[in-house]
Amino acid sequence: METIWSFIHSHQFAVIAVIAVALIIIYFLFKNLIKLALLFLLILILTGGYFYFTAPRKSPDDLTNAIKKTQEQAGQVIDKGKGAYDKGKEIIGKGVEITDSVGKAISKDKNKEATRKD
């Protein structure tokens, strides 16, 4: 532990460089997440503005209905995604079975050829 502290105190430029690289990596990892959050916020603001300008007195009700509808549709999309994931797992399982059976057939053919040559 003592050697780590002495290294940090004696090589401050290296520590700064490591911190800078770590911050850049974190930035690139979260850049897409930040873009997605800003896009969602922009869509939310535009939706609220649309409802407010079309009917200012009904806008809270319309916004609430829009949020409920979005939640329902998101749930449906999640269910479809789960179904697709399960179907994909099933297809992968069948593919593994097929490759195993093909591999066994090839090895049987090789064994037959080896016995014929003898």
C-alpha atoms as a PDB file:
ATOM      1  CA  MET A   1       0.000   0.000   0.000  1.00  0.00           C
ATOM      2  CA  GLU A   2       2.887   2.279   0.783  1.00  0.00           C
ATOM      3  CA  THR A   3       4.383   1.709  -2.652  1.00  0.00           C
ATOM      4  CA  ILE A   4       1.114   2.616  -4.364  1.00  0.00           C
ATOM      5  CA  TRP A   5       0.928   5.953  -2.546  1.00  0.00           C
ATOM      6  CA  SER A   6       4.553   6.710  -3.281  1.00  0.00           C
ATOM      7  CA  PHE A   7       3.996   5.886  -6.978  1.00  0.00           C
ATOM      8  CA  ILE A   8       0.960   8.193  -7.105  1.00  0.00           C
ATOM      9  CA  HIS A   9       2.869  11.043  -5.463  1.00  0.00           C
ATOM     10  CA  SER A  10       5.941  10.615  -7.636  1.00  0.00           C
ATOM     11  CA  HIS A  11       4.132  10.057 -10.986  1.00  0.00           C
ATOM     12  CA  GLN A  12       1.354  12.624 -10.948  1.00  0.00           C
ATOM     13  CA  PHE A  13       1.274  12.983 -14.738  1.00  0.00           C
ATOM     14  CA  ALA A  14       0.572   9.260 -15.137  1.00  0.00           C
ATOM     15  CA  VAL A  15      -2.288   9.474 -12.645  1.00  0.00           C
ATOM     16  CA  ILE A  16      -3.777  12.455 -14.498  1.00  0.00           C
ATOM     17  CA  ALA A  17      -3.467  10.596 -17.805  1.00  0.00           C
ATOM     18  CA  VAL A  18      -5.192   7.500 -16.393  1.00  0.00           C
ATOM     19  CA  ILE A  19      -8.018   9.622 -14.974  1.00  0.00           C
ATOM     20  CA  ALA A  20      -8.426  11.448 -18.300  1.00  0.00           C
ATOM     21  CA  VAL A  21      -8.601   8.174 -20.227  1.00  0.00           C
ATOM     22  CA  ALA A  22     -11.135   6.798 -17.740  1.00  0.00           C
ATOM     23  CA  LEU A  23     -13.302   9.910 -18.102  1.00  0.00           C
ATOM     24  CA  ILE A  24     -13.174   9.667 -21.902  1.00  0.00           C
ATOM     25  CA  ILE A  25     -14.201   6.016 -21.767  1.00  0.00           C
ATOM     26  CA  ILE A  26     -17.080   6.827 -19.411  1.00  0.00           C
ATOM     27  CA  TYR A  27     -18.155   9.671 -21.704  1.00  0.00           C
ATOM     28  CA  PHE A  28     -18.305   7.421 -24.763  1.00  0.00           C
ATOM     29  CA  LEU A  29     -20.180   4.733 -22.841  1.00  0.00           C
ATOM     30  CA  PHE A  30     -22.850   7.136 -21.635  1.00  0.00           C
ATOM     31  CA  LYS A  31     -23.006   9.320 -24.753  1.00  0.00           C
ATOM     32  CA  ASN A  32     -25.669   7.191 -26.407  1.00  0.00           C
ATOM     33  CA  LEU A  33     -27.653   6.971 -23.183  1.00  0.00           C
ATOM     34  CA  ILE A  34     -27.587  10.749 -22.824  1.00  0.00           C
ATOM     35  CA  LYS A  35     -28.711  11.185 -26.446  1.00  0.00           C
ATOM     36  CA  LEU A  36     -31.589   8.801 -25.886  1.00  0.00           C
ATOM     37  CA  ALA A  37     -32.660  10.615 -22.708  1.00  0.00           C
ATOM     38  CA  LEU A  38     -32.537  13.991 -24.468  1.00  0.00           C
ATOM     39  CA  LEU A  39     -34.548  12.623 -27.391  1.00  0.00           C
ATOM     40  CA  PHE A  40     -37.169  11.240 -24.995  1.00  0.00           C
ATOM     41  CA  LEU A  41     -37.339  14.588 -23.195  1.00  0.00           C
ATOM     42  CA  LEU A  42     -37.734  16.430 -26.504  1.00  0.00           C
ATOM     43  CA  ILE A  43     -40.556  14.108 -27.580  1.00  0.00           C
ATOM     44  CA  LEU A  44     -42.251  14.580 -24.210  1.00  0.00           C
ATOM     45  CA  ILE A  45     -42.018  18.372 -24.478  1.00  0.00           C
ATOM     46  CA  LEU A  46     -43.308  18.373 -28.063  1.00  0.00           C
ATOM     47  CA  THR A  47     -46.227  16.119 -27.116  1.00  0.00           C
ATOM     48  CA  GLY A  48     -47.138  18.327 -24.181  1.00  0.00           C
ATOM     49  CA  GLY A  49     -46.892  21.440 -26.351  1.00  0.00           C
ATOM     50  CA  TYR A  50     -49.100  19.889 -29.027  1.00  0.00           C
ATOM     51  CA  PHE A  51     -51.798  19.011 -26.514  1.00  0.00           C
ATOM     52  CA  TYR A  52     -51.552  22.431 -24.888  1.00  0.00           C
ATOM     53  CA  PHE A  53     -51.895  24.350 -28.154  1.00  0.00           C
ATOM     54  CA  THR A  54     -54.739  22.228 -29.513  1.00  0.00           C
ATOM     55  CA  ALA A  55     -56.878  22.359 -26.363  1.00  0.00           C
ATOM     56  CA  PRO A  56     -55.377  24.221 -23.392  1.00  0.00           C
ATOM     57  CA  ARG A  57     -58.104  23.190 -20.945  1.00  0.00           C
ATOM     58  CA  LYS A  58     -57.997  19.487 -21.829  1.00  0.00           C
ATOM     59  CA  SER A  59     -54.213  19.167 -22.042  1.00  0.00           C
ATOM     60  CA  PRO A  60     -53.635  17.489 -18.637  1.00  0.00           C
ATOM     61  CA  ASP A  61     -56.211  14.800 -19.460  1.00  0.00           C
ATOM     62  CA  ASP A  62     -54.827  14.289 -22.959  1.00  0.00           C
ATOM     63  CA  LEU A  63     -51.281  14.063 -21.645  1.00  0.00           C
ATOM     64  CA  THR A  64     -52.334  11.511 -19.025  1.00  0.00           C
ATOM     65  CA  ASN A  65     -54.098   9.439 -21.682  1.00  0.00           C
ATOM     66  CA  ALA A  66     -51.049   9.633 -23.953  1.00  0.00           C
ATOM     67  CA  ILE A  67     -48.790   8.426 -21.131  1.00  0.00           C
ATOM     68  CA  LYS A  68     -51.125   5.510 -20.360  1.00  0.00           C
ATOM     69  CA  LYS A  69     -51.300   4.552 -24.030  1.00  0.00           C
ATOM     70  CA  THR A  70     -47.506   4.692 -24.287  1.00  0.00           C
ATOM     71  CA  GLN A  71     -47.134   2.468 -21.228  1.00  0.00           C
ATOM     72  CA  GLU A  72     -49.558  -0.087 -22.684  1.00  0.00           C
ATOM     73  CA  GLN A  73     -47.766  -0.121 -26.024  1.00  0.00           C
ATOM     74  CA  ALA A  74     -44.396  -0.424 -24.300  1.00  0.00           C
ATOM     75  CA  GLY A  75     -45.714  -3.451 -22.407  1.00  0.00           C
ATOM     76  CA  GLN A  76     -46.870  -5.019 -25.673  1.00  0.00           C
ATOM     77  CA  VAL A  77     -43.473  -4.397 -27.252  1.00  0.00           C
ATOM     78  CA  ILE A  78     -41.740  -5.981 -24.260  1.00  0.00           C
ATOM     79  CA  ASP A  79     -43.989  -9.042 -24.515  1.00  0.00           C
ATOM     80  CA  LYS A  80     -43.241  -9.366 -28.236  1.00  0.00           C
ATOM     81  CA  GLY A  81     -39.530  -9.031 -27.481  1.00  0.00           C
ATOM     82  CA  LYS A  82     -39.711 -11.798 -24.893  1.00  0.00           C
ATOM     83  CA  GLY A  83     -41.525 -14.003 -27.392  1.00  0.00           C
ATOM     84  CA  ALA A  84     -38.881 -13.320 -30.035  1.00  0.00           C
ATOM     85  CA  TYR A  85     -36.132 -14.079 -27.509  1.00  0.00           C
ATOM     86  CA  ASP A  86     -37.733 -17.400 -26.565  1.00  0.00           C
ATOM     87  CA  LYS A  87     -38.219 -18.314 -30.226  1.00  0.00           C
ATOM     88  CA  GLY A  88     -34.576 -17.420 -30.915  1.00  0.00           C
ATOM     89  CA  LYS A  89     -33.413 -19.671 -28.080  1.00  0.00           C
ATOM     90  CA  GLU A  90     -35.549 -22.468 -29.505  1.00  0.00           C
ATOM     91  CA  ILE A  91     -34.085 -22.001 -32.991  1.00  0.00           C
ATOM     92  CA  ILE A  92     -30.553 -21.969 -31.601  1.00  0.00           C
ATOM     93  CA  GLY A  93     -31.280 -25.206 -29.735  1.00  0.00           C
ATOM     94  CA  LYS A  94     -32.518 -26.821 -32.943  1.00  0.00           C
ATOM     95  CA  GLY A  95     -29.434 -25.567 -34.780  1.00  0.00           C
ATOM     96  CA  VAL A  96     -27.165 -27.115 -32.166  1.00  0.00           C
ATOM     97  CA  GLU A  97     -29.017 -30.418 -32.481  1.00  0.00           C
ATOM     98  CA  ILE A  98     -28.686 -30.351 -36.272  1.00  0.00           C
ATOM     99  CA  THR A  99     -24.962 -29.574 -36.168  1.00  0.00           C
ATOM    100  CA  ASP A 100     -24.437 -32.347 -33.625  1.00  0.00           C
ATOM    101  CA  SER A 101     -26.279 -34.857 -35.797  1.00  0.00           C
ATOM    102  CA  VAL A 102     -24.346 -33.758 -38.888  1.00  0.00           C
ATOM    103  CA  GLY A 103     -21.091 -34.062 -36.957  1.00  0.00           C
ATOM    104  CA  LYS A 104     -22.026 -37.574 -35.835  1.00  0.00           C
ATOM    105  CA  ALA A 105     -22.941 -38.571 -39.395  1.00  0.00           C
ATOM    106  CA  ILE A 106     -19.620 -37.261 -40.698  1.00  0.00           C
ATOM    107  CA  SER A 107     -17.674 -39.106 -38.013  1.00  0.00           C
ATOM    108  CA  LYS A 108     -19.571 -42.332 -38.829  1.00  0.00           C
ATOM    109  CA  ASP A 109     -18.692 -41.917 -42.514  1.00  0.00           C
ATOM    110  CA  LYS A 110     -15.036 -41.386 -41.625  1.00  0.00           C
ATOM    111  CA  ASN A 111     -15.072 -44.514 -39.457  1.00  0.00           C
ATOM    112  CA  LYS A 112     -16.639 -46.545 -42.292  1.00  0.00           C
ATOM    113  CA  GLU A 113     -14.027 -45.297 -44.762  1.00  0.00           C
ATOM    114  CA  ALA A 114     -11.242 -46.100 -42.312  1.00  0.00           C
ATOM    115  CA  THR A 115     -12.506 -49.664 -41.868  1.00  0.00           C
ATOM    116  CA  ARG A 116     -12.846 -50.110 -45.657  1.00  0.00           C
ATOM    117  CA  LYS A 117      -9.251 -49.018 -46.236  1.00  0.00           C
ATOM    118  CA  ASP A 118      -7.987 -51.598 -43.744  1.00  0.00           C
END
